[in-house]
């Protein structure tokens, strides 16, 4: 399932960071929220209702832009993040902090 794979990537990031730190290799991950791409527009933003639902779960009340994800990746690749490893950087407009629980149907 999608949620299980996300959890697996998070744990893999941490385990690989521990395994590779002695070799000077840093391992971090980027976890984007809903980003304004053609895929998102076609898959999850197909209706005004769907868009409103996503915005209701996003404290910043907007979609992320691809450039914003690229900027975080550039930071992680730069020496500015040289003391970071094992981190999952959420670029989601505050969605994780909302701790939204999907209601059961």
N, C-alpha and C. Protein backbone atom coordinates (compact mmCIF):
# COMPACT_ATOMS: atom_id res chain seq x y z
N UNK A 1 0.83 -1.19 0.00
CA UNK A 1 0.00 0.00 0.00
C UNK A 1 0.87 1.25 0.00
N UNK A 2 0.29 2.35 -0.40
CA UNK A 2 1.01 3.62 -0.49
C UNK A 2 1.56 4.05 0.86
N UNK A 3 0.74 3.97 1.90
CA UNK A 3 1.18 4.41 3.22
C UNK A 3 2.31 3.54 3.76
N UNK A 4 2.24 2.26 3.54
CA UNK A 4 3.30 1.36 3.99
C UNK A 4 4.60 1.67 3.27
N UNK A 5 4.52 1.95 1.98
CA UNK A 5 5.75 2.26 1.23
C UNK A 5 6.38 3.56 1.72
N UNK A 6 5.56 4.55 2.08
CA UNK A 6 6.10 5.81 2.62
C UNK A 6 6.83 5.55 3.93
N UNK A 7 6.24 4.75 4.80
CA UNK A 7 6.90 4.40 6.06
C UNK A 7 8.18 3.63 5.83
N UNK A 8 8.17 2.76 4.84
CA UNK A 8 9.37 2.00 4.49
C UNK A 8 10.50 2.89 4.01
N UNK A 9 10.18 3.87 3.19
CA UNK A 9 11.20 4.82 2.71
C UNK A 9 11.77 5.62 3.87
N UNK A 10 10.91 6.05 4.79
CA UNK A 10 11.39 6.81 5.95
C UNK A 10 12.37 5.97 6.78
N UNK A 11 12.00 4.73 7.05
CA UNK A 11 12.88 3.87 7.85
C UNK A 11 14.15 3.52 7.08
N UNK A 12 14.04 3.26 5.79
CA UNK A 12 15.22 2.98 4.97
C UNK A 12 16.19 4.16 5.00
N UNK A 13 15.65 5.37 4.95
CA UNK A 13 16.49 6.57 5.02
C UNK A 13 17.30 6.58 6.31
N UNK A 14 16.66 6.29 7.42
CA UNK A 14 17.34 6.31 8.72
C UNK A 14 18.38 5.19 8.83
N UNK A 15 18.00 3.99 8.41
CA UNK A 15 18.92 2.85 8.50
C UNK A 15 20.13 3.05 7.60
N UNK A 16 19.90 3.52 6.38
CA UNK A 16 21.03 3.76 5.47
C UNK A 16 21.93 4.88 5.99
N UNK A 17 21.34 5.89 6.61
CA UNK A 17 22.14 6.98 7.19
C UNK A 17 23.08 6.43 8.26
N UNK A 18 22.58 5.55 9.11
CA UNK A 18 23.42 4.95 10.14
C UNK A 18 24.49 4.06 9.53
N UNK A 19 24.12 3.29 8.54
CA UNK A 19 25.06 2.35 7.91
C UNK A 19 26.18 3.05 7.15
N UNK A 20 25.89 4.20 6.58
CA UNK A 20 26.86 4.85 5.69
C UNK A 20 27.58 6.05 6.30
N UNK A 21 27.19 6.45 7.49
CA UNK A 21 27.81 7.63 8.11
C UNK A 21 29.32 7.47 8.26
N UNK A 22 29.79 6.29 8.64
CA UNK A 22 31.23 6.05 8.80
C UNK A 22 32.01 6.21 7.50
N UNK A 23 31.32 6.15 6.39
CA UNK A 23 31.94 6.30 5.07
C UNK A 23 31.82 7.73 4.55
N UNK A 24 31.29 8.62 5.36
CA UNK A 24 31.13 10.01 4.95
C UNK A 24 29.97 10.23 4.00
N UNK A 25 29.06 9.27 3.95
CA UNK A 25 27.91 9.38 3.06
C UNK A 25 26.69 9.76 3.88
N UNK A 26 26.02 10.82 3.46
CA UNK A 26 24.80 11.28 4.11
C UNK A 26 23.60 10.78 3.33
N UNK A 27 22.56 10.38 4.04
CA UNK A 27 21.33 9.91 3.42
C UNK A 27 20.16 10.68 4.02
N UNK A 28 19.46 11.41 3.20
CA UNK A 28 18.28 12.17 3.61
C UNK A 28 17.19 11.95 2.57
N UNK A 29 15.98 12.30 2.93
CA UNK A 29 14.86 12.14 2.00
C UNK A 29 14.01 13.41 1.99
N UNK A 30 13.32 13.61 0.90
CA UNK A 30 12.37 14.71 0.76
C UNK A 30 10.98 14.09 0.63
N UNK A 31 10.05 14.58 1.45
CA UNK A 31 8.68 14.08 1.42
C UNK A 31 7.76 15.24 1.01
N UNK A 32 7.45 15.32 -0.27
CA UNK A 32 6.62 16.43 -0.74
C UNK A 32 5.14 16.22 -0.44
N UNK A 33 4.46 17.33 -0.26
CA UNK A 33 3.00 17.31 -0.17
C UNK A 33 2.43 17.31 -1.59
N UNK A 34 1.26 17.88 -1.75
CA UNK A 34 0.66 17.96 -3.08
C UNK A 34 1.34 19.08 -3.85
N UNK A 35 1.98 18.71 -4.94
CA UNK A 35 2.76 19.64 -5.76
C UNK A 35 2.02 19.88 -7.07
N UNK A 36 2.04 21.11 -7.52
CA UNK A 36 1.32 21.52 -8.74
C UNK A 36 2.02 20.97 -9.98
N UNK A 37 1.75 19.72 -10.27
CA UNK A 37 2.29 19.08 -11.47
C UNK A 37 1.12 18.59 -12.32
N UNK A 38 1.40 18.21 -13.54
CA UNK A 38 0.34 17.66 -14.40
C UNK A 38 -0.24 16.39 -13.79
N UNK A 39 0.62 15.55 -13.19
CA UNK A 39 0.14 14.32 -12.56
C UNK A 39 -0.87 14.65 -11.46
N UNK A 40 -0.53 15.60 -10.59
CA UNK A 40 -1.45 15.97 -9.51
C UNK A 40 -2.75 16.54 -10.07
N UNK A 41 -2.64 17.37 -11.08
CA UNK A 41 -3.84 17.97 -11.67
C UNK A 41 -4.76 16.90 -12.23
N UNK A 42 -4.19 15.88 -12.83
CA UNK A 42 -5.00 14.82 -13.44
C UNK A 42 -5.45 13.77 -12.43
N UNK A 43 -4.60 13.48 -11.43
CA UNK A 43 -4.89 12.38 -10.52
C UNK A 43 -5.70 12.78 -9.29
N UNK A 44 -5.35 13.90 -8.66
CA UNK A 44 -5.99 14.23 -7.39
C UNK A 44 -6.69 15.58 -7.36
N UNK A 45 -6.53 16.36 -8.39
CA UNK A 45 -7.15 17.68 -8.40
C UNK A 45 -8.18 17.80 -9.51
N UNK A 46 -8.80 16.68 -9.84
CA UNK A 46 -9.70 16.63 -10.97
C UNK A 46 -11.00 17.39 -10.82
N UNK A 47 -11.34 17.76 -9.60
CA UNK A 47 -12.59 18.49 -9.39
C UNK A 47 -12.38 19.58 -8.34
N UNK A 48 -13.28 20.53 -8.32
CA UNK A 48 -13.22 21.59 -7.30
C UNK A 48 -13.35 21.00 -5.91
N UNK A 49 -14.17 19.96 -5.78
CA UNK A 49 -14.37 19.31 -4.48
C UNK A 49 -13.07 18.66 -4.00
N UNK A 50 -12.38 17.97 -4.90
CA UNK A 50 -11.11 17.33 -4.52
C UNK A 50 -10.07 18.37 -4.13
N UNK A 51 -10.00 19.44 -4.89
CA UNK A 51 -9.03 20.51 -4.58
C UNK A 51 -9.36 21.14 -3.22
N UNK A 52 -10.63 21.38 -2.95
CA UNK A 52 -11.04 21.96 -1.66
C UNK A 52 -10.69 21.03 -0.51
N UNK A 53 -10.85 19.74 -0.71
CA UNK A 53 -10.51 18.76 0.33
C UNK A 53 -9.02 18.81 0.65
N UNK A 54 -8.19 18.87 -0.38
CA UNK A 54 -6.74 18.95 -0.18
C UNK A 54 -6.36 20.26 0.50
N UNK A 55 -6.95 21.35 0.07
CA UNK A 55 -6.63 22.64 0.68
C UNK A 55 -7.07 22.69 2.15
N UNK A 56 -8.15 22.00 2.49
CA UNK A 56 -8.62 21.98 3.88
C UNK A 56 -7.63 21.26 4.78
N UNK A 57 -6.79 20.41 4.21
CA UNK A 57 -5.79 19.66 4.96
C UNK A 57 -4.40 20.27 4.85
N UNK A 58 -4.29 21.42 4.23
CA UNK A 58 -3.00 22.06 4.00
C UNK A 58 -3.03 23.45 4.64
N UNK A 59 -2.38 23.63 5.80
CA UNK A 59 -2.45 24.91 6.50
C UNK A 59 -2.05 26.12 5.65
N UNK A 60 -1.13 25.97 4.71
CA UNK A 60 -0.71 27.11 3.89
C UNK A 60 -1.70 27.41 2.78
N UNK A 61 -2.70 26.55 2.60
CA UNK A 61 -3.82 26.76 1.66
C UNK A 61 -3.39 26.98 0.21
N UNK A 62 -2.34 26.26 -0.19
CA UNK A 62 -1.92 26.31 -1.59
C UNK A 62 -1.16 25.04 -1.91
N UNK A 63 -1.00 24.78 -3.19
CA UNK A 63 -0.17 23.67 -3.63
C UNK A 63 1.29 24.10 -3.60
N UNK A 64 2.16 23.13 -3.46
CA UNK A 64 3.58 23.42 -3.60
C UNK A 64 3.95 23.51 -5.07
N UNK A 65 5.04 24.15 -5.34
CA UNK A 65 5.55 24.27 -6.71
C UNK A 65 6.76 23.35 -6.88
N UNK A 66 6.94 22.78 -8.06
CA UNK A 66 8.09 21.91 -8.29
C UNK A 66 9.42 22.57 -7.91
N UNK A 67 9.53 23.86 -8.14
CA UNK A 67 10.77 24.58 -7.82
C UNK A 67 11.05 24.55 -6.32
N UNK A 68 10.00 24.51 -5.51
CA UNK A 68 10.19 24.47 -4.06
C UNK A 68 10.80 23.14 -3.62
N UNK A 69 10.42 22.07 -4.28
CA UNK A 69 11.03 20.77 -3.99
C UNK A 69 12.47 20.77 -4.48
N UNK A 70 12.70 21.31 -5.65
CA UNK A 70 14.07 21.38 -6.20
C UNK A 70 14.98 22.18 -5.28
N UNK A 71 14.48 23.26 -4.70
CA UNK A 71 15.29 24.07 -3.78
C UNK A 71 15.70 23.28 -2.55
N UNK A 72 14.79 22.48 -2.01
CA UNK A 72 15.14 21.66 -0.85
C UNK A 72 16.17 20.60 -1.24
N UNK A 73 16.00 20.00 -2.40
CA UNK A 73 16.98 19.01 -2.88
C UNK A 73 18.35 19.66 -3.06
N UNK A 74 18.38 20.85 -3.61
CA UNK A 74 19.65 21.56 -3.79
C UNK A 74 20.31 21.83 -2.44
N UNK A 75 19.53 22.21 -1.45
CA UNK A 75 20.06 22.41 -0.10
C UNK A 75 20.67 21.12 0.44
N UNK A 76 19.94 20.01 0.30
CA UNK A 76 20.44 18.74 0.82
C UNK A 76 21.70 18.28 0.11
N UNK A 77 21.86 18.66 -1.13
CA UNK A 77 23.06 18.30 -1.89
C UNK A 77 24.24 19.24 -1.63
N UNK A 78 23.97 20.35 -0.97
CA UNK A 78 25.01 21.36 -0.75
C UNK A 78 25.75 21.13 0.57
N UNK A 79 26.84 21.85 0.73
CA UNK A 79 27.60 21.77 1.98
C UNK A 79 26.83 22.40 3.14
N UNK A 80 25.81 23.17 2.85
CA UNK A 80 25.00 23.78 3.92
C UNK A 80 24.29 22.73 4.77
N UNK A 81 24.12 21.53 4.24
CA UNK A 81 23.47 20.46 4.99
C UNK A 81 24.47 19.38 5.40
N UNK A 82 25.73 19.73 5.49
CA UNK A 82 26.78 18.73 5.72
C UNK A 82 26.68 18.02 7.07
N UNK A 83 25.92 18.54 8.01
CA UNK A 83 25.77 17.90 9.31
C UNK A 83 24.39 17.25 9.46
N UNK A 84 23.74 16.99 8.34
CA UNK A 84 22.43 16.34 8.35
C UNK A 84 22.54 14.96 7.75
N UNK A 85 21.98 13.99 8.42
CA UNK A 85 21.83 12.66 7.85
C UNK A 85 20.69 11.95 8.57
N UNK A 86 19.99 11.12 7.83
CA UNK A 86 18.87 10.38 8.40
C UNK A 86 17.60 11.20 8.55
N UNK A 87 17.54 12.33 7.89
CA UNK A 87 16.38 13.22 8.02
C UNK A 87 15.40 13.05 6.87
N UNK A 88 14.14 13.18 7.20
CA UNK A 88 13.10 13.25 6.19
C UNK A 88 12.57 14.68 6.23
N UNK A 89 12.76 15.42 5.16
CA UNK A 89 12.36 16.82 5.11
C UNK A 89 10.98 16.89 4.44
N UNK A 90 10.00 17.30 5.21
CA UNK A 90 8.64 17.41 4.70
C UNK A 90 8.44 18.80 4.10
N UNK A 91 8.06 18.81 2.84
CA UNK A 91 7.79 20.06 2.12
C UNK A 91 6.33 19.95 1.69
N UNK A 92 5.45 20.25 2.64
CA UNK A 92 4.04 19.92 2.45
C UNK A 92 3.06 21.01 2.87
N UNK A 93 3.54 22.23 2.98
CA UNK A 93 2.65 23.33 3.34
C UNK A 93 2.08 23.22 4.74
N UNK A 94 2.72 22.45 5.60
CA UNK A 94 2.27 22.28 6.97
C UNK A 94 1.34 21.11 7.19
N UNK A 95 1.13 20.32 6.17
CA UNK A 95 0.16 19.23 6.27
C UNK A 95 0.51 18.22 7.37
N UNK A 96 1.78 17.88 7.51
CA UNK A 96 2.18 16.92 8.54
C UNK A 96 1.87 17.45 9.94
N UNK A 97 2.10 18.74 10.16
CA UNK A 97 1.85 19.31 11.48
C UNK A 97 0.38 19.33 11.83
N UNK A 98 -0.47 19.32 10.83
CA UNK A 98 -1.91 19.28 11.06
C UNK A 98 -2.33 17.94 11.64
N UNK A 99 -1.54 16.89 11.34
CA UNK A 99 -1.81 15.54 11.83
C UNK A 99 -3.22 15.09 11.46
N UNK A 100 -3.55 15.32 10.21
CA UNK A 100 -4.89 14.99 9.71
C UNK A 100 -5.10 13.49 9.68
N UNK A 101 -6.22 13.05 10.20
CA UNK A 101 -6.59 11.65 10.16
C UNK A 101 -7.71 11.49 9.14
N UNK A 102 -7.53 10.58 8.23
CA UNK A 102 -8.55 10.34 7.21
C UNK A 102 -9.72 9.60 7.87
N UNK A 103 -10.92 10.16 7.77
CA UNK A 103 -12.07 9.49 8.37
C UNK A 103 -12.38 8.17 7.67
N UNK A 104 -12.83 7.19 8.43
CA UNK A 104 -13.23 5.92 7.83
C UNK A 104 -14.60 6.07 7.22
N UNK A 105 -14.84 5.30 6.17
CA UNK A 105 -16.14 5.38 5.50
C UNK A 105 -16.97 4.15 5.76
